[in-house]
Amino acid sequence: MADDEVELEKRAVAELLREATLGAARASEVGPSGWKKCPLMKTNKRFLTNTIVQHIGANRVISKRKRESSKNRKSRSPERKSSKHRDKSERDKSARDRSRREDCDKDKSKKYKRDD
């Protein structure tokens, strides 16, 4: 028990000396304000840890959903390719997209046309 107290006292003295030498070095560079402790508060580590753990769990759930949905898409994609005919709605969509692209191209050509 006496050995523990002696060891503890040695550690405390060593820590105080280390702080004193660091303070002296800061004081020689900055001046008397170097002896002051840092005014910033310590980080709330419990809050930070809980927040990180919560977000990791949420990200894990999101990535799991994405993986499952991509697996479902992959399993459904051969069914789509095996059909010989497209639906009317798909055909209409592609025609609409084509016409929209053509309209945009016409507008762009009008916009950048030079008037000499």
PDB file of N, CA and C in Angstrom:
ATOM      1  N   MET A   1       0.820  -1.185   0.000  1.00  0.00           N
ATOM      2  CA  MET A   1       0.000   0.000   0.000  1.00  0.00           C
ATOM      3  C   MET A   1       0.869   1.256   0.000  1.00  0.00           C
ATOM      4  N   ALA A   2       1.941   1.221   0.749  1.00  0.00           N
ATOM      5  CA  ALA A   2       2.846   2.362   0.811  1.00  0.00           C
ATOM      6  C   ALA A   2       3.530   2.564  -0.536  1.00  0.00           C
ATOM      7  N   ASP A   3       3.800   1.446  -1.228  1.00  0.00           N
ATOM      8  CA  ASP A   3       4.423   1.540  -2.547  1.00  0.00           C
ATOM      9  C   ASP A   3       3.494   2.233  -3.538  1.00  0.00           C
ATOM     10  N   ASP A   4       2.191   1.946  -3.432  1.00  0.00           N
ATOM     11  CA  ASP A   4       1.215   2.570  -4.325  1.00  0.00           C
ATOM     12  C   ASP A   4       1.156   4.079  -4.115  1.00  0.00           C
ATOM     13  N   GLU A   5       1.222   4.483  -2.830  1.00  0.00           N
ATOM     14  CA  GLU A   5       1.165   5.912  -2.525  1.00  0.00           C
ATOM     15  C   GLU A   5       2.420   6.627  -3.028  1.00  0.00           C
ATOM     16  N   VAL A   6       3.563   5.986  -2.873  1.00  0.00           N
ATOM     17  CA  VAL A   6       4.823   6.575  -3.329  1.00  0.00           C
ATOM     18  C   VAL A   6       4.809   6.697  -4.849  1.00  0.00           C
ATOM     19  N   GLU A   7       4.346   5.641  -5.513  1.00  0.00           N
ATOM     20  CA  GLU A   7       4.267   5.656  -6.984  1.00  0.00           C
ATOM     21  C   GLU A   7       3.313   6.748  -7.463  1.00  0.00           C
ATOM     22  N   LEU A   8       2.181   6.872  -6.789  1.00  0.00           N
ATOM     23  CA  LEU A   8       1.198   7.897  -7.151  1.00  0.00           C
ATOM     24  C   LEU A   8       1.775   9.295  -6.958  1.00  0.00           C
ATOM     25  N   GLU A   9       2.514   9.495  -5.868  1.00  0.00           N
ATOM     26  CA  GLU A   9       3.118  10.804  -5.605  1.00  0.00           C
ATOM     27  C   GLU A   9       4.178  11.132  -6.657  1.00  0.00           C
ATOM     28  N   LYS A  10       4.961  10.139  -7.062  1.00  0.00           N
ATOM     29  CA  LYS A  10       5.971  10.354  -8.104  1.00  0.00           C
ATOM     30  C   LYS A  10       5.314  10.760  -9.420  1.00  0.00           C
ATOM     31  N   ARG A  11       4.232  10.094  -9.748  1.00  0.00           N
ATOM     32  CA  ARG A  11       3.520  10.432 -10.993  1.00  0.00           C
ATOM     33  C   ARG A  11       2.946  11.845 -10.946  1.00  0.00           C
ATOM     34  N   ALA A  12       2.405  12.223  -9.776  1.00  0.00           N
ATOM     35  CA  ALA A  12       1.836  13.565  -9.634  1.00  0.00           C
ATOM     36  C   ALA A  12       2.926  14.628  -9.771  1.00  0.00           C
ATOM     37  N   VAL A  13       4.065  14.393  -9.155  1.00  0.00           N
ATOM     38  CA  VAL A  13       5.177  15.347  -9.236  1.00  0.00           C
ATOM     39  C   VAL A  13       5.663  15.455 -10.677  1.00  0.00           C
ATOM     40  N   ALA A  14       5.780  14.322 -11.354  1.00  0.00           N
ATOM     41  CA  ALA A  14       6.235  14.332 -12.743  1.00  0.00           C
ATOM     42  C   ALA A  14       5.255  15.106 -13.629  1.00  0.00           C
ATOM     43  N   GLU A  15       3.969  14.925 -13.399  1.00  0.00           N
ATOM     44  CA  GLU A  15       2.953  15.636 -14.185  1.00  0.00           C
ATOM     45  C   GLU A  15       3.013  17.136 -13.921  1.00  0.00           C
ATOM     46  N   LEU A  16       3.180  17.530 -12.652  1.00  0.00           N
ATOM     47  CA  LEU A  16       3.282  18.958 -12.321  1.00  0.00           C
ATOM     48  C   LEU A  16       4.526  19.582 -12.956  1.00  0.00           C
ATOM     49  N   LEU A  17       5.639  18.873 -12.928  1.00  0.00           N
ATOM     50  CA  LEU A  17       6.860  19.387 -13.550  1.00  0.00           C
ATOM     51  C   LEU A  17       6.696  19.509 -15.065  1.00  0.00           C
ATOM     52  N   ARG A  18       6.038  18.536 -15.661  1.00  0.00           N
ATOM     53  CA  ARG A  18       5.818  18.583 -17.110  1.00  0.00           C
ATOM     54  C   ARG A  18       4.954  19.786 -17.478  1.00  0.00           C
ATOM     55  N   GLU A  19       3.876  20.019 -16.710  1.00  0.00           N
ATOM     56  CA  GLU A  19       3.016  21.184 -16.964  1.00  0.00           C
ATOM     57  C   GLU A  19       3.783  22.485 -16.765  1.00  0.00           C
ATOM     58  N   ALA A  20       4.644  22.534 -15.757  1.00  0.00           N
ATOM     59  CA  ALA A  20       5.415  23.753 -15.487  1.00  0.00           C
ATOM     60  C   ALA A  20       6.386  24.050 -16.626  1.00  0.00           C
ATOM     61  N   THR A  21       7.050  23.033 -17.140  1.00  0.00           N
ATOM     62  CA  THR A  21       7.987  23.269 -18.247  1.00  0.00           C
ATOM     63  C   THR A  21       7.244  23.705 -19.507  1.00  0.00           C
ATOM     64  N   LEU A  22       6.080  23.110 -19.762  1.00  0.00           N
ATOM     65  CA  LEU A  22       5.290  23.537 -20.921  1.00  0.00           C
ATOM     66  C   LEU A  22       4.815  24.974 -20.761  1.00  0.00           C
ATOM     67  N   GLY A  23       4.368  25.326 -19.546  1.00  0.00           N
ATOM     68  CA  GLY A  23       3.924  26.697 -19.286  1.00  0.00           C
ATOM     69  C   GLY A  23       5.059  27.690 -19.437  1.00  0.00           C
ATOM     70  N   ALA A  24       6.252  27.315 -18.979  1.00  0.00           N
ATOM     71  CA  ALA A  24       7.410  28.207 -19.107  1.00  0.00           C
ATOM     72  C   ALA A  24       7.768  28.416 -20.571  1.00  0.00           C
ATOM     73  N   ALA A  25       7.691  27.362 -21.355  1.00  0.00           N
ATOM     74  CA  ALA A  25       7.988  27.494 -22.785  1.00  0.00           C
ATOM     75  C   ALA A  25       6.966  28.411 -23.463  1.00  0.00           C
ATOM     76  N   ARG A  26       5.704  28.233 -23.120  1.00  0.00           N
ATOM     77  CA  ARG A  26       4.665  29.107 -23.696  1.00  0.00           C
ATOM     78  C   ARG A  26       4.864  30.546 -23.242  1.00  0.00           C
ATOM     79  N   ALA A  27       5.214  30.729 -21.980  1.00  0.00           N
ATOM     80  CA  ALA A  27       5.403  32.083 -21.450  1.00  0.00           C
ATOM     81  C   ALA A  27       6.592  32.772 -22.110  1.00  0.00           C
ATOM     82  N   SER A  28       7.629  32.023 -22.433  1.00  0.00           N
ATOM     83  CA  SER A  28       8.786  32.647 -23.078  1.00  0.00           C
ATOM     84  C   SER A  28       8.444  33.091 -24.502  1.00  0.00           C
ATOM     85  N   GLU A  29       7.520  32.387 -25.155  1.00  0.00           N
ATOM     86  CA  GLU A  29       7.127  32.758 -26.522  1.00  0.00           C
ATOM     87  C   GLU A  29       6.061  33.850 -26.534  1.00  0.00           C
ATOM     88  N   VAL A  30       5.034  33.685 -25.697  1.00  0.00           N
ATOM     89  CA  VAL A  30       3.858  34.552 -25.754  1.00  0.00           C
ATOM     90  C   VAL A  30       3.890  35.644 -24.693  1.00  0.00           C
ATOM     91  N   GLY A  31       4.486  35.345 -23.577  1.00  0.00           N
ATOM     92  CA  GLY A  31       4.479  36.285 -22.468  1.00  0.00           C
ATOM     93  C   GLY A  31       3.665  35.710 -21.321  1.00  0.00           C
ATOM     94  N   PRO A  32       3.219  36.563 -20.398  1.00  0.00           N
ATOM     95  CA  PRO A  32       2.492  36.075 -19.217  1.00  0.00           C
ATOM     96  C   PRO A  32       1.199  35.327 -19.552  1.00  0.00           C
ATOM     97  N   SER A  33       0.605  35.649 -20.696  1.00  0.00           N
ATOM     98  CA  SER A  33      -0.640  34.943 -21.040  1.00  0.00           C
ATOM     99  C   SER A  33      -0.378  33.478 -21.389  1.00  0.00           C
ATOM    100  N   GLY A  34       0.881  33.093 -21.565  1.00  0.00           N
ATOM    101  CA  GLY A  34       1.225  31.704 -21.840  1.00  0.00           C
ATOM    102  C   GLY A  34       0.977  30.787 -20.660  1.00  0.00           C
ATOM    103  N   TRP A  35       0.895  31.354 -19.456  1.00  0.00           N
ATOM    104  CA  TRP A  35       0.633  30.542 -18.269  1.00  0.00           C
ATOM    105  C   TRP A  35      -0.831  30.178 -18.141  1.00  0.00           C
ATOM    106  N   LYS A  36      -1.688  30.898 -18.836  1.00  0.00           N
ATOM    107  CA  LYS A  36      -3.123  30.610 -18.733  1.00  0.00           C
ATOM    108  C   LYS A  36      -3.450  29.289 -19.410  1.00  0.00           C
ATOM    109  N   LYS A  37      -4.444  28.645 -18.901  1.00  0.00           N
ATOM    110  CA  LYS A  37      -4.929  27.419 -19.532  1.00  0.00           C
ATOM    111  C   LYS A  37      -5.746  27.793 -20.766  1.00  0.00           C
ATOM    112  N   CYS A  38      -5.959  26.840 -21.626  1.00  0.00           N
ATOM    113  CA  CYS A  38      -6.738  27.067 -22.841  1.00  0.00           C
ATOM    114  C   CYS A  38      -8.183  27.408 -22.463  1.00  0.00           C
ATOM    115  N   PRO A  39      -8.748  28.508 -22.994  1.00  0.00           N
ATOM    116  CA  PRO A  39     -10.098  28.909 -22.608  1.00  0.00           C
ATOM    117  C   PRO A  39     -11.192  28.058 -23.258  1.00  0.00           C
ATOM    118  N   LEU A  40     -10.833  27.252 -24.239  1.00  0.00           N
ATOM    119  CA  LEU A  40     -11.847  26.441 -24.897  1.00  0.00           C
ATOM    120  C   LEU A  40     -12.297  25.308 -23.988  1.00  0.00           C
ATOM    121  N   MET A  41     -13.594  25.040 -24.051  1.00  0.00           N
ATOM    122  CA  MET A  41     -14.128  23.947 -23.248  1.00  0.00           C
ATOM    123  C   MET A  41     -13.731  22.614 -23.874  1.00  0.00           C
ATOM    124  N   LYS A  42     -13.714  21.591 -23.051  1.00  0.00           N
ATOM    125  CA  LYS A  42     -13.394  20.263 -23.550  1.00  0.00           C
ATOM    126  C   LYS A  42     -14.554  19.752 -24.395  1.00  0.00           C
ATOM    127  N   THR A  43     -14.236  18.855 -25.285  1.00  0.00           N
ATOM    128  CA  THR A  43     -15.248  18.268 -26.157  1.00  0.00           C
ATOM    129  C   THR A  43     -16.177  17.388 -25.335  1.00  0.00           C
ATOM    130  N   ASN A  44     -17.466  17.468 -25.648  1.00  0.00           N
ATOM    131  CA  ASN A  44     -18.437  16.595 -25.007  1.00  0.00           C
ATOM    132  C   ASN A  44     -18.346  15.234 -25.695  1.00  0.00           C
ATOM    133  N   LYS A  45     -17.491  14.384 -25.184  1.00  0.00           N
ATOM    134  CA  LYS A  45     -17.177  13.126 -25.856  1.00  0.00           C
ATOM    135  C   LYS A  45     -18.340  12.144 -25.814  1.00  0.00           C
ATOM    136  N   ARG A  46     -19.137  12.184 -24.785  1.00  0.00           N
ATOM    137  CA  ARG A  46     -20.292  11.281 -24.720  1.00  0.00           C
ATOM    138  C   ARG A  46     -21.278  11.623 -25.832  1.00  0.00           C
ATOM    139  N   PHE A  47     -21.564  12.907 -26.003  1.00  0.00           N
ATOM    140  CA  PHE A  47     -22.468  13.338 -27.073  1.00  0.00           C
ATOM    141  C   PHE A  47     -21.892  12.975 -28.440  1.00  0.00           C
ATOM    142  N   LEU A  48     -20.613  13.249 -28.630  1.00  0.00           N
ATOM    143  CA  LEU A  48     -19.961  12.964 -29.902  1.00  0.00           C
ATOM    144  C   LEU A  48     -20.002  11.469 -30.224  1.00  0.00           C
ATOM    145  N   THR A  49     -19.698  10.645 -29.235  1.00  0.00           N
ATOM    146  CA  THR A  49     -19.721   9.193 -29.438  1.00  0.00           C
ATOM    147  C   THR A  49     -21.120   8.710 -29.776  1.00  0.00           C
ATOM    148  N   ASN A  50     -22.115   9.174 -29.030  1.00  0.00           N
ATOM    149  CA  ASN A  50     -23.492   8.747 -29.293  1.00  0.00           C
ATOM    150  C   ASN A  50     -23.952   9.181 -30.675  1.00  0.00           C
ATOM    151  N   THR A  51     -23.590  10.381 -31.084  1.00  0.00           N
ATOM    152  CA  THR A  51     -23.978  10.877 -32.404  1.00  0.00           C
ATOM    153  C   THR A  51     -23.345  10.039 -33.504  1.00  0.00           C
ATOM    154  N   ILE A  52     -22.071   9.751 -33.366  1.00  0.00           N
ATOM    155  CA  ILE A  52     -21.380   8.952 -34.382  1.00  0.00           C
ATOM    156  C   ILE A  52     -21.966   7.553 -34.455  1.00  0.00           C
ATOM    157  N   VAL A  53     -22.204   6.935 -33.310  1.00  0.00           N
ATOM    158  CA  VAL A  53     -22.776   5.583 -33.293  1.00  0.00           C
ATOM    159  C   VAL A  53     -24.153   5.580 -33.940  1.00  0.00           C
ATOM    160  N   GLN A  54     -24.951   6.589 -33.658  1.00  0.00           N
ATOM    161  CA  GLN A  54     -26.294   6.675 -34.234  1.00  0.00           C
ATOM    162  C   GLN A  54     -26.223   6.805 -35.754  1.00  0.00           C
ATOM    163  N   HIS A  55     -25.335   7.638 -36.251  1.00  0.00           N
ATOM    164  CA  HIS A  55     -25.230   7.838 -37.699  1.00  0.00           C
ATOM    165  C   HIS A  55     -24.651   6.617 -38.400  1.00  0.00           C
ATOM    166  N   ILE A  56     -23.739   5.930 -37.741  1.00  0.00           N
ATOM    167  CA  ILE A  56     -23.200   4.703 -38.338  1.00  0.00           C
ATOM    168  C   ILE A  56     -24.313   3.682 -38.497  1.00  0.00           C
ATOM    169  N   GLY A  57     -25.157   3.560 -37.478  1.00  0.00           N
ATOM    170  CA  GLY A  57     -26.283   2.626 -37.569  1.00  0.00           C
ATOM    171  C   GLY A  57     -27.257   3.017 -38.658  1.00  0.00           C
ATOM    172  N   ALA A  58     -27.544   4.308 -38.759  1.00  0.00           N
ATOM    173  CA  ALA A  58     -28.473   4.775 -39.794  1.00  0.00           C
ATOM    174  C   ALA A  58     -27.883   4.551 -41.180  1.00  0.00           C
ATOM    175  N   ASN A  59     -26.596   4.824 -41.348  1.00  0.00           N
ATOM    176  CA  ASN A  59     -25.947   4.602 -42.645  1.00  0.00           C
ATOM    177  C   ASN A  59     -25.927   3.125 -43.004  1.00  0.00           C
ATOM    178  N   ARG A  60     -25.776   2.276 -42.006  1.00  0.00           N
ATOM    179  CA  ARG A  60     -25.775   0.839 -42.250  1.00  0.00           C
ATOM    180  C   ARG A  60     -27.141   0.393 -42.772  1.00  0.00           C
ATOM    181  N   VAL A  61     -28.205   0.920 -42.185  1.00  0.00           N
ATOM    182  CA  VAL A  61     -29.555   0.574 -42.633  1.00  0.00           C
ATOM    183  C   VAL A  61     -29.777   1.049 -44.065  1.00  0.00           C
ATOM    184  N   ILE A  62     -29.347   2.263 -44.369  1.00  0.00           N
ATOM    185  CA  ILE A  62     -29.529   2.814 -45.718  1.00  0.00           C
ATOM    186  C   ILE A  62     -28.751   1.996 -46.739  1.00  0.00           C
ATOM    187  N   SER A  63     -27.505   1.663 -46.425  1.00  0.00           N
ATOM    188  CA  SER A  63     -26.709   0.882 -47.379  1.00  0.00           C
ATOM    189  C   SER A  63     -27.287  -0.516 -47.557  1.00  0.00           C
ATOM    190  N   LYS A  64     -27.859  -1.079 -46.506  1.00  0.00           N
ATOM    191  CA  LYS A  64     -28.493  -2.398 -46.616  1.00  0.00           C
ATOM    192  C   LYS A  64     -29.696  -2.328 -47.543  1.00  0.00           C
ATOM    193  N   ARG A  65     -30.496  -1.279 -47.416  1.00  0.00           N
ATOM    194  CA  ARG A  65     -31.656  -1.106 -48.304  1.00  0.00           C
ATOM    195  C   ARG A  65     -31.216  -0.949 -49.750  1.00  0.00           C
ATOM    196  N   LYS A  66     -30.156  -0.185 -49.979  1.00  0.00           N
ATOM    197  CA  LYS A  66     -29.659   0.004 -51.343  1.00  0.00           C
ATOM    198  C   LYS A  66     -29.189  -1.313 -51.935  1.00  0.00           C
ATOM    199  N   ARG A  67     -28.467  -2.101 -51.128  1.00  0.00           N
ATOM    200  CA  ARG A  67     -27.995  -3.393 -51.619  1.00  0.00           C
ATOM    201  C   ARG A  67     -29.163  -4.303 -51.975  1.00  0.00           C
ATOM    202  N   GLU A  68     -30.183  -4.315 -51.110  1.00  0.00           N
ATOM    203  CA  GLU A  68     -31.343  -5.165 -51.376  1.00  0.00           C
ATOM    204  C   GLU A  68     -32.084  -4.709 -52.624  1.00  0.00           C
ATOM    205  N   SER A  69     -32.236  -3.403 -52.789  1.00  0.00           N
ATOM    206  CA  SER A  69     -32.949  -2.910 -53.970  1.00  0.00           C
ATOM    207  C   SER A  69     -32.154  -3.183 -55.242  1.00  0.00           C
ATOM    208  N   SER A  70     -30.820  -3.087 -55.170  1.00  0.00           N
ATOM    209  CA  SER A  70     -30.021  -3.383 -56.364  1.00  0.00           C
ATOM    210  C   SER A  70     -30.086  -4.873 -56.697  1.00  0.00           C
ATOM    211  N   LYS A  71     -30.145  -5.726 -55.677  1.00  0.00           N
ATOM    212  CA  LYS A  71     -30.305  -7.160 -55.925  1.00  0.00           C
ATOM    213  C   LYS A  71     -31.646  -7.436 -56.587  1.00  0.00           C
ATOM    214  N   ASN A  72     -32.683  -6.744 -56.114  1.00  0.00           N
ATOM    215  CA  ASN A  72     -34.012  -6.930 -56.702  1.00  0.00           C
ATOM    216  C   ASN A  72     -34.023  -6.469 -58.150  1.00  0.00           C
ATOM    217  N   ARG A  73     -33.356  -5.364 -58.444  1.00  0.00           N
ATOM    218  CA  ARG A  73     -33.299  -4.869 -59.822  1.00  0.00           C
ATOM    219  C   ARG A  73     -32.565  -5.857 -60.718  1.00  0.00           C
ATOM    220  N   LYS A  74     -31.467  -6.396 -60.208  1.00  0.00           N
ATOM    221  CA  LYS A  74     -30.702  -7.355 -61.003  1.00  0.00           C
ATOM    222  C   LYS A  74     -31.523  -8.607 -61.276  1.00  0.00           C
ATOM    223  N   SER A  75     -32.287  -9.028 -60.292  1.00  0.00           N
ATOM    224  CA  SER A  75     -33.090 -10.236 -60.493  1.00  0.00           C
ATOM    225  C   SER A  75     -34.255  -9.977 -61.437  1.00  0.00           C
ATOM    226  N   ARG A  76     -34.747  -8.742 -61.494  1.00  0.00           N
ATOM    227  CA  ARG A  76     -35.860  -8.414 -62.391  1.00  0.00           C
ATOM    228  C   ARG A  76     -35.398  -8.066 -63.798  1.00  0.00           C
ATOM    229  N   SER A  77     -34.166  -7.646 -63.975  1.00  0.00           N
ATOM    230  CA  SER A  77     -33.701  -7.183 -65.280  1.00  0.00           C
ATOM    231  C   SER A  77     -33.744  -8.261 -66.363  1.00  0.00           C
ATOM    232  N   PRO A  78     -33.442  -9.537 -66.121  1.00  0.00           N
ATOM    233  CA  PRO A  78     -33.569 -10.527 -67.197  1.00  0.00           C
ATOM    234  C   PRO A  78     -35.008 -10.702 -67.672  1.00  0.00           C
ATOM    235  N   GLU A  79     -35.964 -10.507 -66.779  1.00  0.00           N
ATOM    236  CA  GLU A  79     -37.363 -10.617 -67.181  1.00  0.00           C
ATOM    237  C   GLU A  79     -37.707  -9.536 -68.197  1.00  0.00           C
ATOM    238  N   ARG A  80     -37.211  -8.349 -67.982  1.00  0.00           N
ATOM    239  CA  ARG A  80     -37.494  -7.251 -68.907  1.00  0.00           C
ATOM    240  C   ARG A  80     -36.840  -7.502 -70.258  1.00  0.00           C
ATOM    241  N   LYS A  81     -35.611  -7.985 -70.235  1.00  0.00           N
ATOM    242  CA  LYS A  81     -34.898  -8.209 -71.482  1.00  0.00           C
ATOM    243  C   LYS A  81     -35.497  -9.357 -72.280  1.00  0.00           C
ATOM    244  N   SER A  82     -36.106 -10.304 -71.580  1.00  0.00           N
ATOM    245  CA  SER A  82     -36.642 -11.464 -72.275  1.00  0.00           C
ATOM    246  C   SER A  82     -37.920 -11.137 -73.042  1.00  0.00           C
ATOM    247  N   SER A  83     -38.615 -10.066 -72.660  1.00  0.00           N
ATOM    248  CA  SER A  83     -39.840  -9.730 -73.385  1.00  0.00           C
ATOM    249  C   SER A  83     -39.482  -9.166 -74.758  1.00  0.00           C
ATOM    250  N   LYS A  84     -40.232  -9.576 -75.774  1.00  0.00           N
ATOM    251  CA  LYS A  84     -39.916  -9.179 -77.146  1.00  0.00           C
ATOM    252  C   LYS A  84     -40.464  -7.801 -77.486  1.00  0.00           C
ATOM    253  N   HIS A  85     -41.531  -7.400 -76.817  1.00  0.00           N
ATOM    254  CA  HIS A  85     -42.187  -6.147 -77.166  1.00  0.00           C
ATOM    255  C   HIS A  85     -42.150  -5.194 -75.981  1.00  0.00           C
ATOM    256  N   ARG A  86     -41.986  -3.920 -76.315  1.00  0.00           N
ATOM    257  CA  ARG A  86     -42.029  -2.903 -75.276  1.00  0.00           C
ATOM    258  C   ARG A  86     -43.466  -2.476 -75.051  1.00  0.00           C
ATOM    259  N   ASP A  87     -43.708  -1.968 -73.869  1.00  0.00           N
ATOM    260  CA  ASP A  87     -45.036  -1.433 -73.578  1.00  0.00           C
ATOM    261  C   ASP A  87     -45.239  -0.138 -74.339  1.00  0.00           C
ATOM    262  N   LYS A  88     -46.498   0.193 -74.523  1.00  0.00           N
ATOM    263  CA  LYS A  88     -46.833   1.434 -75.222  1.00  0.00           C
ATOM    264  C   LYS A  88     -46.324   2.642 -74.427  1.00  0.00           C
ATOM    265  N   SER A  89     -46.429   2.574 -73.096  1.00  0.00           N
ATOM    266  CA  SER A  89     -45.993   3.699 -72.269  1.00  0.00           C
ATOM    267  C   SER A  89     -44.492   3.948 -72.441  1.00  0.00           C
ATOM    268  N   GLU A  90     -43.690   2.891 -72.526  1.00  0.00           N
ATOM    269  CA  GLU A  90     -42.254   3.066 -72.730  1.00  0.00           C
ATOM    270  C   GLU A  90     -41.970   3.696 -74.082  1.00  0.00           C
ATOM    271  N   ARG A  91     -42.710   3.271 -75.097  1.00  0.00           N
ATOM    272  CA  ARG A  91     -42.525   3.807 -76.439  1.00  0.00           C
ATOM    273  C   ARG A  91     -42.888   5.289 -76.459  1.00  0.00           C
ATOM    274  N   ASP A  92     -43.987   5.655 -75.781  1.00  0.00           N
ATOM    275  CA  ASP A  92     -44.399   7.055 -75.724  1.00  0.00           C
ATOM    276  C   ASP A  92     -43.356   7.905 -74.995  1.00  0.00           C
ATOM    277  N   LYS A  93     -42.807   7.358 -73.916  1.00  0.00           N
ATOM    278  CA  LYS A  93     -41.797   8.100 -73.161  1.00  0.00           C
ATOM    279  C   LYS A  93     -40.574   8.383 -74.020  1.00  0.00           C
ATOM    280  N   SER A  94     -40.118   7.371 -74.741  1.00  0.00           N
ATOM    281  CA  SER A  94     -38.922   7.578 -75.555  1.00  0.00           C
ATOM    282  C   SER A  94     -39.190   8.590 -76.670  1.00  0.00           C
ATOM    283  N   ALA A  95     -40.400   8.569 -77.249  1.00  0.00           N
ATOM    284  CA  ALA A  95     -40.740   9.536 -78.297  1.00  0.00           C
ATOM    285  C   ALA A  95     -40.794  10.949 -77.719  1.00  0.00           C
ATOM    286  N   ARG A  96     -41.368  11.074 -76.534  1.00  0.00           N
ATOM    287  CA  ARG A  96     -41.438  12.391 -75.889  1.00  0.00           C
ATOM    288  C   ARG A  96     -40.043  12.910 -75.577  1.00  0.00           C
ATOM    289  N   ASP A  97     -39.194  12.037 -75.047  1.00  0.00           N
ATOM    290  CA  ASP A  97     -37.827  12.455 -74.734  1.00  0.00           C
ATOM    291  C   ASP A  97     -37.094  12.906 -75.991  1.00  0.00           C
ATOM    292  N   ARG A  98     -37.270  12.175 -77.073  1.00  0.00           N
ATOM    293  CA  ARG A  98     -36.624  12.533 -78.326  1.00  0.00           C
ATOM    294  C   ARG A  98     -37.090  13.900 -78.803  1.00  0.00           C
ATOM    295  N   SER A  99     -38.405  14.138 -78.734  1.00  0.00           N
ATOM    296  CA  SER A  99     -38.930  15.426 -79.201  1.00  0.00           C
ATOM    297  C   SER A  99     -38.445  16.567 -78.306  1.00  0.00           C
ATOM    298  N   ARG A 100     -38.351  16.314 -77.011  1.00  0.00           N
ATOM    299  CA  ARG A 100     -37.849  17.348 -76.100  1.00  0.00           C
ATOM    300  C   ARG A 100     -36.396  17.683 -76.412  1.00  0.00           C
ATOM    301  N   ARG A 101     -35.583  16.649 -76.672  1.00  0.00           N
ATOM    302  CA  ARG A 101     -34.188  16.892 -77.014  1.00  0.00           C
ATOM    303  C   ARG A 101     -34.070  17.701 -78.297  1.00  0.00           C
ATOM    304  N   GLU A 102     -34.895  17.375 -79.275  1.00  0.00           N
ATOM    305  CA  GLU A 102     -34.858  18.113 -80.537  1.00  0.00           C
ATOM    306  C   GLU A 102     -35.239  19.569 -80.318  1.00  0.00           C
ATOM    307  N   ASP A 103     -36.270  19.808 -79.484  1.00  0.00           N
ATOM    308  CA  ASP A 103     -36.681  21.182 -79.184  1.00  0.00           C
ATOM    309  C   ASP A 103     -35.551  21.949 -78.501  1.00  0.00           C
ATOM    310  N   CYS A 104     -34.877  21.299 -77.567  1.00  0.00           N
ATOM    311  CA  CYS A 104     -33.770  21.955 -76.870  1.00  0.00           C
ATOM    312  C   CYS A 104     -32.645  22.284 -77.846  1.00  0.00           C
ATOM    313  N   ASP A 105     -32.350  21.354 -78.742  1.00  0.00           N
ATOM    314  CA  ASP A 105     -31.289  21.598 -79.718  1.00  0.00           C
ATOM    315  C   ASP A 105     -31.640  22.777 -80.618  1.00  0.00           C
ATOM    316  N   LYS A 106     -32.916  22.876 -81.018  1.00  0.00           N
ATOM    317  CA  LYS A 106     -33.345  23.995 -81.861  1.00  0.00           C
ATOM    318  C   LYS A 106     -33.191  25.310 -81.115  1.00  0.00           C
ATOM    319  N   ASP A 107     -33.611  25.308 -79.837  1.00  0.00           N
ATOM    320  CA  ASP A 107     -33.502  26.526 -79.032  1.00  0.00           C
ATOM    321  C   ASP A 107     -32.042  26.947 -78.874  1.00  0.00           C
ATOM    322  N   LYS A 108     -31.172  25.982 -78.654  1.00  0.00           N
ATOM    323  CA  LYS A 108     -29.757  26.306 -78.489  1.00  0.00           C
ATOM    324  C   LYS A 108     -29.181  26.876 -79.774  1.00  0.00           C
ATOM    325  N   SER A 109     -29.552  26.293 -80.898  1.00  0.00           N
ATOM    326  CA  SER A 109     -29.009  26.791 -82.163  1.00  0.00           C
ATOM    327  C   SER A 109     -29.506  28.208 -82.443  1.00  0.00           C
ATOM    328  N   LYS A 110     -30.745  28.515 -82.058  1.00  0.00           N
ATOM    329  CA  LYS A 110     -31.265  29.873 -82.232  1.00  0.00           C
ATOM    330  C   LYS A 110     -30.528  30.844 -81.319  1.00  0.00           C
ATOM    331  N   LYS A 111     -30.252  30.399 -80.109  1.00  0.00           N
ATOM    332  CA  LYS A 111     -29.634  31.267 -79.119  1.00  0.00           C
ATOM    333  C   LYS A 111     -28.220  31.651 -79.535  1.00  0.00           C
ATOM    334  N   TYR A 112     -27.470  30.704 -80.079  1.00  0.00           N
ATOM    335  CA  TYR A 112     -26.077  30.952 -80.404  1.00  0.00           C
ATOM    336  C   TYR A 112     -25.851  31.344 -81.862  1.00  0.00           C
ATOM    337  N   LYS A 113     -26.899  31.538 -82.594  1.00  0.00           N
ATOM    338  CA  LYS A 113     -26.770  31.921 -83.993  1.00  0.00           C
ATOM    339  C   LYS A 113     -26.322  33.377 -84.060  1.00  0.00           C
ATOM    340  N   ARG A 114     -25.344  33.657 -84.916  1.00  0.00           N
ATOM    341  CA  ARG A 114     -24.805  35.012 -85.024  1.00  0.00           C
ATOM    342  C   ARG A 114     -25.588  35.799 -86.060  1.00  0.00           C
ATOM    343  N   ASP A 115     -25.860  37.020 -85.733  1.00  0.00           N
ATOM    344  CA  ASP A 115     -26.519  37.939 -86.667  1.00  0.00           C
ATOM    345  C   ASP A 115     -25.461  38.893 -87.203  1.00  0.00           C
ATOM    346  N   ASP A 116     -25.086  38.733 -88.468  1.00  0.00           N
ATOM    347  CA  ASP A 116     -24.062  39.608 -89.060  1.00  0.00           C
ATOM    348  C   ASP A 116     -24.682  40.644 -89.954  1.00  0.00           C
TER     349      ASP A 116
END
